[in-house]
Protein backbone atom coordinates (compact mmCIF):
# COMPACT_ATOMS: atom_id res chain seq x y z
CA MET A 1 0.00 0.00 0.00
CA LYS A 2 1.00 3.62 -0.43
CA VAL A 3 -0.40 7.04 0.36
CA ASP A 4 -1.86 8.25 -2.94
CA HIS A 5 -2.60 11.85 -2.03
CA ILE A 6 -3.25 14.34 0.72
CA ALA A 7 -5.86 17.07 0.24
CA ILE A 8 -6.15 20.57 1.70
CA TRP A 9 -8.87 23.19 1.40
CA VAL A 10 -7.49 26.55 0.31
CA ARG A 11 -8.82 30.07 -0.17
CA ASP A 12 -6.69 31.02 -3.18
CA LEU A 13 -6.21 27.99 -5.42
CA GLU A 14 -3.90 29.67 -7.92
CA LYS A 15 -1.64 31.29 -5.32
CA ILE A 16 -1.12 28.01 -3.47
CA ARG A 17 -0.54 26.05 -6.71
CA ILE A 18 2.11 28.53 -7.81
CA PHE A 19 3.76 28.41 -4.36
CA TYR A 20 4.23 24.61 -4.48
CA GLU A 21 5.35 24.71 -8.12
CA THR A 22 7.85 27.50 -7.46
CA TYR A 23 9.44 26.30 -4.24
CA PHE A 24 8.96 22.52 -4.30
CA GLY A 25 9.02 21.67 -8.01
CA ALA A 26 5.44 20.36 -8.05
CA LYS A 27 3.82 19.63 -11.39
CA SER A 28 0.12 20.44 -11.70
CA ASN A 29 -2.61 18.87 -13.74
CA ASP A 30 -5.23 21.07 -15.42
CA ARG A 31 -7.70 22.71 -13.08
CA TYR A 32 -10.83 20.65 -12.44
CA PHE A 33 -14.10 22.55 -11.99
CA ASN A 34 -17.52 21.22 -10.94
CA SER A 35 -20.09 23.93 -11.71
CA LYS A 36 -22.86 22.31 -9.67
CA HIS A 37 -20.87 22.53 -6.42
CA LYS A 38 -18.59 25.42 -7.45
CA PHE A 39 -15.69 23.11 -6.55
CA SER A 40 -12.23 23.50 -8.08
CA SER A 41 -9.09 21.48 -7.58
CA TYR A 42 -5.58 20.73 -8.77
CA PHE A 43 -3.50 17.62 -8.20
CA LEU A 44 0.16 18.41 -7.68
CA THR A 45 2.75 15.72 -8.28
CA PHE A 46 6.20 15.77 -6.70
CA ASP A 47 9.27 13.59 -7.35
CA GLY A 48 7.64 10.48 -5.94
CA ALA A 49 4.35 8.71 -5.69
CA THR A 50 2.40 10.93 -3.28
CA ARG A 51 0.33 13.82 -4.62
CA LEU A 52 -1.15 16.91 -3.01
CA GLU A 53 -4.72 17.87 -3.91
CA LEU A 54 -5.53 21.57 -3.57
CA MET A 55 -9.28 22.15 -3.27
CA GLN A 56 -11.38 25.31 -3.21
CA MET A 57 -15.12 25.76 -2.73
CA PRO A 58 -16.80 28.96 -1.51
CA SER A 59 -19.00 27.17 1.05
CA ILE A 60 -16.07 25.80 3.09
CA PRO A 61 -15.73 27.76 6.37
CA GLU A 62 -12.48 29.16 7.75
CA SER A 63 -10.37 26.85 9.89
CA LEU A 64 -10.63 27.25 13.65
CA ASN A 65 -7.06 25.98 14.13
CA ASN A 66 -4.31 28.38 15.10
CA PRO A 67 -1.29 27.79 12.81
CA TYR A 68 1.10 28.66 15.64
CA LYS A 69 -0.21 25.99 18.03
CA GLN A 70 -0.49 22.21 17.80
CA PHE A 71 -3.86 20.42 17.77
CA ILE A 72 -5.04 16.83 17.37
CA GLY A 73 -5.27 15.90 13.69
CA PHE A 74 -3.09 16.57 10.69
CA ILE A 75 -0.51 19.21 11.54
CA HIS A 76 2.05 19.40 8.73
CA LEU A 77 3.21 18.22 5.34
CA ALA A 78 6.85 17.08 5.23
CA ILE A 79 8.71 17.45 1.96
CA SER A 80 12.17 15.95 1.53
CA VAL A 81 14.48 18.07 -0.62
CA GLY A 82 17.46 15.70 -0.60
CA SER A 83 20.21 17.28 1.50
CA LYS A 84 21.02 19.50 4.47
CA GLU A 85 22.28 22.21 2.11
CA LYS A 86 19.02 22.18 0.16
CA VAL A 87 17.03 22.50 3.41
CA ILE A 88 19.11 25.54 4.37
CA ASN A 89 18.96 27.12 0.91
CA LEU A 90 15.20 26.64 0.44
CA THR A 91 14.44 27.87 3.97
CA ASN A 92 16.54 30.99 3.37
CA ARG A 93 14.89 31.56 -0.03
CA LEU A 94 11.41 31.30 1.49
CA ALA A 95 12.37 33.67 4.34
CA ASP A 96 13.88 36.15 1.87
CA ASP A 97 10.65 36.00 -0.16
CA GLY A 98 8.62 36.90 2.93
CA TYR A 99 7.35 33.50 4.08
CA GLU A 100 7.37 32.80 7.79
CA VAL A 101 9.90 30.33 9.18
CA LEU A 102 8.63 28.83 12.44
CA ASP A 103 11.69 26.76 13.29
CA GLY A 104 15.12 25.77 12.03
CA PRO A 105 16.91 24.78 10.03
CA ARG A 106 18.12 22.48 12.79
CA TYR A 107 18.72 18.92 13.85
CA THR A 108 15.82 17.51 15.82
CA GLY A 109 16.18 15.20 18.82
CA ASP A 110 15.39 12.20 16.63
CA GLY A 111 18.09 13.05 14.09
CA TYR A 112 16.19 14.84 11.32
CA PHE A 113 17.59 18.00 9.78
CA GLU A 114 14.61 20.20 9.01
CA SER A 115 12.90 23.55 9.12
CA THR A 116 9.23 24.41 9.50
CA VAL A 117 7.68 27.14 7.36
CA LEU A 118 4.16 28.38 6.66
CA ASP A 119 2.77 28.39 3.13
CA PRO A 120 0.72 31.44 2.00
CA GLU A 121 -2.37 30.13 3.81
CA LYS A 122 -0.52 29.25 7.03
CA ASN A 123 -0.29 25.48 6.46
CA ARG A 124 2.80 24.04 8.14
CA ILE A 125 5.46 22.53 5.89
CA GLU A 126 8.48 20.67 7.20
CA ILE A 127 11.40 20.85 4.83
CA THR A 128 13.60 17.79 5.45
CA GLU A 129 16.78 16.30 4.01
């Protein structure tokens, strides 16, 4: 078995798609639109088998989670970039471009080298080796 995809609701579908294409090399399919439900989505593919589905629909309410605190449930998406240097470089690039870095780059207690950043809609992303 494998994880096929992870899905997130977003406010600005195009902005989030461009973010993941620009910084993480994601490749997008064509936008899907369901006029009955006013639902739109993209599937983003990375170098690997798992995909990220970005979904937008006007009727979805705002999240009650605080992006700066931890809650039960899904909390982050971890993306491996291949090396310590790439973690550092991408984290610095995101910070220079105005994205918020919550932590790192650093070694964690369990031996990972990572940083944690927020995407444009405050979803947590761990950038790992």
